């Protein structure tokens, strides 16, 4: 991941006590502070429930079963896209 972000890891060779004065560390810190972190799995689950809330069933047990089926499908077809 560090290579993909073009992060210079030379600061790892010096004492952490002086990292705050090292250019490579400061640049790396800035990159990481600006990264957007996404919990894709949780967001997909919330979106699923918002889209289908009450549409297929109002029974909680059936909803849980439906969610398990969808989760199994996602695991089985990991490269499945919405677009054709």
N, C-alpha and C. Protein backbone atom coordinates (compact mmCIF):
# COMPACT_ATOMS: atom_id res chain seq x y z
N UNK A 1 0.83 -1.18 0.00
CA UNK A 1 0.00 0.00 0.00
C UNK A 1 0.87 1.25 0.00
N UNK A 2 1.96 1.21 0.73
CA UNK A 2 2.84 2.38 0.78
C UNK A 2 3.41 2.71 -0.59
N UNK A 3 3.75 1.68 -1.35
CA UNK A 3 4.28 1.91 -2.70
C UNK A 3 3.21 2.51 -3.61
N UNK A 4 1.98 2.02 -3.49
CA UNK A 4 0.90 2.55 -4.32
C UNK A 4 0.64 4.02 -4.04
N UNK A 5 0.85 4.43 -2.80
CA UNK A 5 0.64 5.82 -2.42
C UNK A 5 1.89 6.67 -2.59
N UNK A 6 2.95 6.07 -3.12
CA UNK A 6 4.24 6.75 -3.30
C UNK A 6 4.76 7.36 -2.01
N UNK A 7 4.73 6.58 -0.96
CA UNK A 7 5.19 7.04 0.34
C UNK A 7 6.64 6.63 0.55
N UNK A 8 7.45 7.63 0.85
CA UNK A 8 8.86 7.41 1.15
C UNK A 8 8.97 6.90 2.59
N UNK A 9 9.47 5.69 2.76
CA UNK A 9 9.53 5.09 4.10
C UNK A 9 10.90 5.24 4.75
N UNK A 10 11.71 6.13 4.23
CA UNK A 10 13.05 6.30 4.80
C UNK A 10 13.02 6.74 6.26
N UNK A 11 11.95 7.37 6.68
CA UNK A 11 11.85 7.80 8.08
C UNK A 11 11.82 6.61 9.04
N UNK A 12 11.50 5.43 8.53
CA UNK A 12 11.48 4.24 9.39
C UNK A 12 12.87 3.84 9.86
N UNK A 13 13.88 4.37 9.21
CA UNK A 13 15.26 4.05 9.57
C UNK A 13 15.83 4.99 10.63
N UNK A 14 15.05 5.95 11.05
CA UNK A 14 15.53 6.87 12.08
C UNK A 14 14.69 6.73 13.34
N UNK A 15 15.14 7.31 14.40
CA UNK A 15 14.44 7.23 15.68
C UNK A 15 13.08 7.93 15.59
N UNK A 16 12.03 7.30 16.12
CA UNK A 16 10.70 7.94 16.13
C UNK A 16 10.68 9.28 16.86
N UNK A 17 11.65 9.49 17.72
CA UNK A 17 11.72 10.76 18.44
C UNK A 17 11.91 11.96 17.52
N UNK A 18 12.50 11.74 16.36
CA UNK A 18 12.75 12.86 15.45
C UNK A 18 11.90 12.80 14.17
N UNK A 19 10.94 11.92 14.13
CA UNK A 19 10.07 11.83 12.96
C UNK A 19 9.37 13.15 12.66
N UNK A 20 8.96 13.86 13.69
CA UNK A 20 8.21 15.10 13.47
C UNK A 20 9.04 16.19 12.79
N UNK A 21 10.33 15.95 12.61
CA UNK A 21 11.21 16.89 11.91
C UNK A 21 11.69 16.33 10.57
N UNK A 22 11.24 15.15 10.23
CA UNK A 22 11.68 14.49 9.00
C UNK A 22 10.69 14.74 7.87
N UNK A 23 11.19 15.19 6.73
CA UNK A 23 10.32 15.52 5.59
C UNK A 23 9.53 14.33 5.08
N UNK A 24 10.16 13.16 4.99
CA UNK A 24 9.44 11.98 4.47
C UNK A 24 8.31 11.57 5.42
N UNK A 25 8.55 11.69 6.71
CA UNK A 25 7.50 11.38 7.68
C UNK A 25 6.36 12.39 7.58
N UNK A 26 6.69 13.66 7.52
CA UNK A 26 5.66 14.71 7.47
C UNK A 26 4.80 14.57 6.21
N UNK A 27 5.43 14.25 5.09
CA UNK A 27 4.67 14.05 3.86
C UNK A 27 3.77 12.82 3.98
N UNK A 28 4.30 11.74 4.54
CA UNK A 28 3.51 10.52 4.74
C UNK A 28 2.33 10.78 5.66
N UNK A 29 2.58 11.53 6.71
CA UNK A 29 1.51 11.85 7.66
C UNK A 29 0.39 12.63 6.97
N UNK A 30 0.76 13.56 6.13
CA UNK A 30 -0.23 14.36 5.41
C UNK A 30 -1.06 13.48 4.47
N UNK A 31 -0.40 12.56 3.79
CA UNK A 31 -1.11 11.65 2.88
C UNK A 31 -2.13 10.82 3.65
N UNK A 32 -1.71 10.25 4.77
CA UNK A 32 -2.62 9.40 5.54
C UNK A 32 -3.75 10.19 6.19
N UNK A 33 -3.49 11.40 6.59
CA UNK A 33 -4.54 12.21 7.19
C UNK A 33 -5.61 12.60 6.18
N UNK A 34 -5.25 12.61 4.91
CA UNK A 34 -6.20 12.99 3.87
C UNK A 34 -6.87 11.80 3.19
N UNK A 35 -6.54 10.59 3.61
CA UNK A 35 -7.19 9.41 3.04
C UNK A 35 -8.63 9.33 3.50
N UNK A 36 -9.49 8.93 2.61
CA UNK A 36 -10.90 8.71 2.96
C UNK A 36 -11.07 7.24 3.29
N UNK A 37 -11.52 6.97 4.49
CA UNK A 37 -11.71 5.58 4.92
C UNK A 37 -13.18 5.22 4.75
N UNK A 38 -13.41 4.06 4.15
CA UNK A 38 -14.78 3.63 3.87
C UNK A 38 -14.96 2.21 4.37
N UNK A 39 -16.04 1.98 5.09
CA UNK A 39 -16.41 0.63 5.48
C UNK A 39 -17.44 0.16 4.47
N UNK A 40 -16.94 -0.35 3.35
CA UNK A 40 -17.78 -0.71 2.22
C UNK A 40 -18.84 -1.75 2.58
N UNK A 41 -18.47 -2.74 3.35
CA UNK A 41 -19.41 -3.81 3.70
C UNK A 41 -20.57 -3.26 4.51
N UNK A 42 -20.26 -2.45 5.51
CA UNK A 42 -21.32 -1.88 6.35
C UNK A 42 -22.21 -0.95 5.53
N UNK A 43 -21.61 -0.14 4.68
CA UNK A 43 -22.40 0.78 3.86
C UNK A 43 -23.31 0.03 2.90
N UNK A 44 -22.83 -1.08 2.34
CA UNK A 44 -23.67 -1.88 1.45
C UNK A 44 -24.84 -2.48 2.22
N UNK A 45 -24.59 -2.93 3.44
CA UNK A 45 -25.66 -3.50 4.25
C UNK A 45 -26.73 -2.48 4.60
N UNK A 46 -26.30 -1.29 4.97
CA UNK A 46 -27.25 -0.22 5.29
C UNK A 46 -28.06 0.15 4.05
N UNK A 47 -27.37 0.29 2.93
CA UNK A 47 -28.05 0.64 1.67
C UNK A 47 -29.06 -0.43 1.28
N UNK A 48 -28.70 -1.68 1.46
CA UNK A 48 -29.61 -2.77 1.15
C UNK A 48 -30.89 -2.65 1.98
N UNK A 49 -30.73 -2.41 3.26
CA UNK A 49 -31.90 -2.31 4.14
C UNK A 49 -32.74 -1.09 3.80
N UNK A 50 -32.11 0.01 3.43
CA UNK A 50 -32.87 1.20 3.06
C UNK A 50 -33.67 0.96 1.79
N UNK A 51 -33.06 0.29 0.82
CA UNK A 51 -33.73 0.05 -0.46
C UNK A 51 -34.89 -0.93 -0.35
N UNK A 52 -34.74 -1.94 0.48
CA UNK A 52 -35.73 -3.02 0.52
C UNK A 52 -36.56 -3.07 1.81
N UNK A 53 -36.45 -2.03 2.63
CA UNK A 53 -37.19 -2.01 3.89
C UNK A 53 -38.69 -2.17 3.63
N UNK A 54 -39.23 -3.27 4.09
CA UNK A 54 -40.66 -3.52 3.98
C UNK A 54 -41.13 -3.89 2.58
N UNK A 55 -40.25 -3.87 1.59
CA UNK A 55 -40.65 -4.15 0.22
C UNK A 55 -40.97 -5.63 0.01
N UNK A 56 -40.09 -6.50 0.53
CA UNK A 56 -40.27 -7.93 0.32
C UNK A 56 -40.99 -8.60 1.48
N UNK A 57 -40.73 -8.14 2.69
CA UNK A 57 -41.37 -8.74 3.85
C UNK A 57 -41.30 -7.78 5.03
N UNK A 58 -42.24 -7.93 5.94
CA UNK A 58 -42.19 -7.14 7.17
C UNK A 58 -41.83 -8.03 8.35
N UNK A 59 -41.74 -9.34 8.10
CA UNK A 59 -41.39 -10.29 9.14
C UNK A 59 -39.88 -10.24 9.39
N UNK A 60 -39.47 -9.98 10.63
CA UNK A 60 -38.06 -9.82 10.96
C UNK A 60 -37.25 -11.08 10.67
N UNK A 61 -37.80 -12.24 10.93
CA UNK A 61 -37.08 -13.49 10.68
C UNK A 61 -36.82 -13.66 9.18
N UNK A 62 -37.80 -13.34 8.37
CA UNK A 62 -37.62 -13.44 6.92
C UNK A 62 -36.60 -12.40 6.42
N UNK A 63 -36.60 -11.20 7.03
CA UNK A 63 -35.61 -10.19 6.65
C UNK A 63 -34.20 -10.69 6.92
N UNK A 64 -34.00 -11.30 8.08
CA UNK A 64 -32.67 -11.81 8.44
C UNK A 64 -32.24 -12.91 7.47
N UNK A 65 -33.17 -13.78 7.11
CA UNK A 65 -32.87 -14.84 6.15
C UNK A 65 -32.50 -14.24 4.79
N UNK A 66 -33.25 -13.24 4.37
CA UNK A 66 -32.98 -12.56 3.10
C UNK A 66 -31.59 -11.93 3.11
N UNK A 67 -31.23 -11.28 4.21
CA UNK A 67 -29.90 -10.67 4.33
C UNK A 67 -28.79 -11.71 4.24
N UNK A 68 -29.02 -12.86 4.86
CA UNK A 68 -28.03 -13.93 4.79
C UNK A 68 -27.88 -14.44 3.36
N UNK A 69 -28.98 -14.54 2.64
CA UNK A 69 -28.92 -14.98 1.24
C UNK A 69 -28.15 -13.98 0.39
N UNK A 70 -28.40 -12.70 0.60
CA UNK A 70 -27.69 -11.66 -0.16
C UNK A 70 -26.21 -11.68 0.18
N UNK A 71 -25.88 -11.83 1.46
CA UNK A 71 -24.48 -11.89 1.87
C UNK A 71 -23.77 -13.08 1.23
N UNK A 72 -24.43 -14.23 1.22
CA UNK A 72 -23.84 -15.41 0.58
C UNK A 72 -23.63 -15.17 -0.92
N UNK A 73 -24.57 -14.49 -1.54
CA UNK A 73 -24.45 -14.17 -2.96
C UNK A 73 -23.25 -13.27 -3.20
N UNK A 74 -23.08 -12.24 -2.36
CA UNK A 74 -21.93 -11.33 -2.50
C UNK A 74 -20.61 -12.09 -2.35
N UNK A 75 -20.57 -13.04 -1.43
CA UNK A 75 -19.34 -13.81 -1.23
C UNK A 75 -19.06 -14.71 -2.43
N UNK A 76 -20.12 -15.27 -2.99
CA UNK A 76 -19.96 -16.19 -4.11
C UNK A 76 -19.61 -15.46 -5.41
N UNK A 77 -20.16 -14.27 -5.59
CA UNK A 77 -19.95 -13.51 -6.83
C UNK A 77 -19.29 -12.17 -6.49
N UNK A 78 -18.03 -12.24 -6.11
CA UNK A 78 -17.31 -11.05 -5.65
C UNK A 78 -17.07 -10.02 -6.75
N UNK A 79 -17.06 -10.44 -8.00
CA UNK A 79 -16.81 -9.49 -9.08
C UNK A 79 -18.09 -9.01 -9.76
N UNK A 80 -19.21 -9.27 -9.14
CA UNK A 80 -20.50 -8.88 -9.70
C UNK A 80 -20.67 -7.36 -9.64
N UNK A 81 -21.01 -6.77 -10.78
CA UNK A 81 -21.20 -5.33 -10.87
C UNK A 81 -22.64 -5.02 -11.21
N UNK A 82 -23.07 -3.82 -10.83
CA UNK A 82 -24.43 -3.40 -11.11
C UNK A 82 -24.62 -3.12 -12.60
N UNK A 83 -23.57 -2.63 -13.26
CA UNK A 83 -23.67 -2.30 -14.68
C UNK A 83 -23.41 -3.54 -15.54
N UNK A 84 -23.94 -3.52 -16.73
CA UNK A 84 -23.74 -4.63 -17.67
C UNK A 84 -22.48 -4.45 -18.47
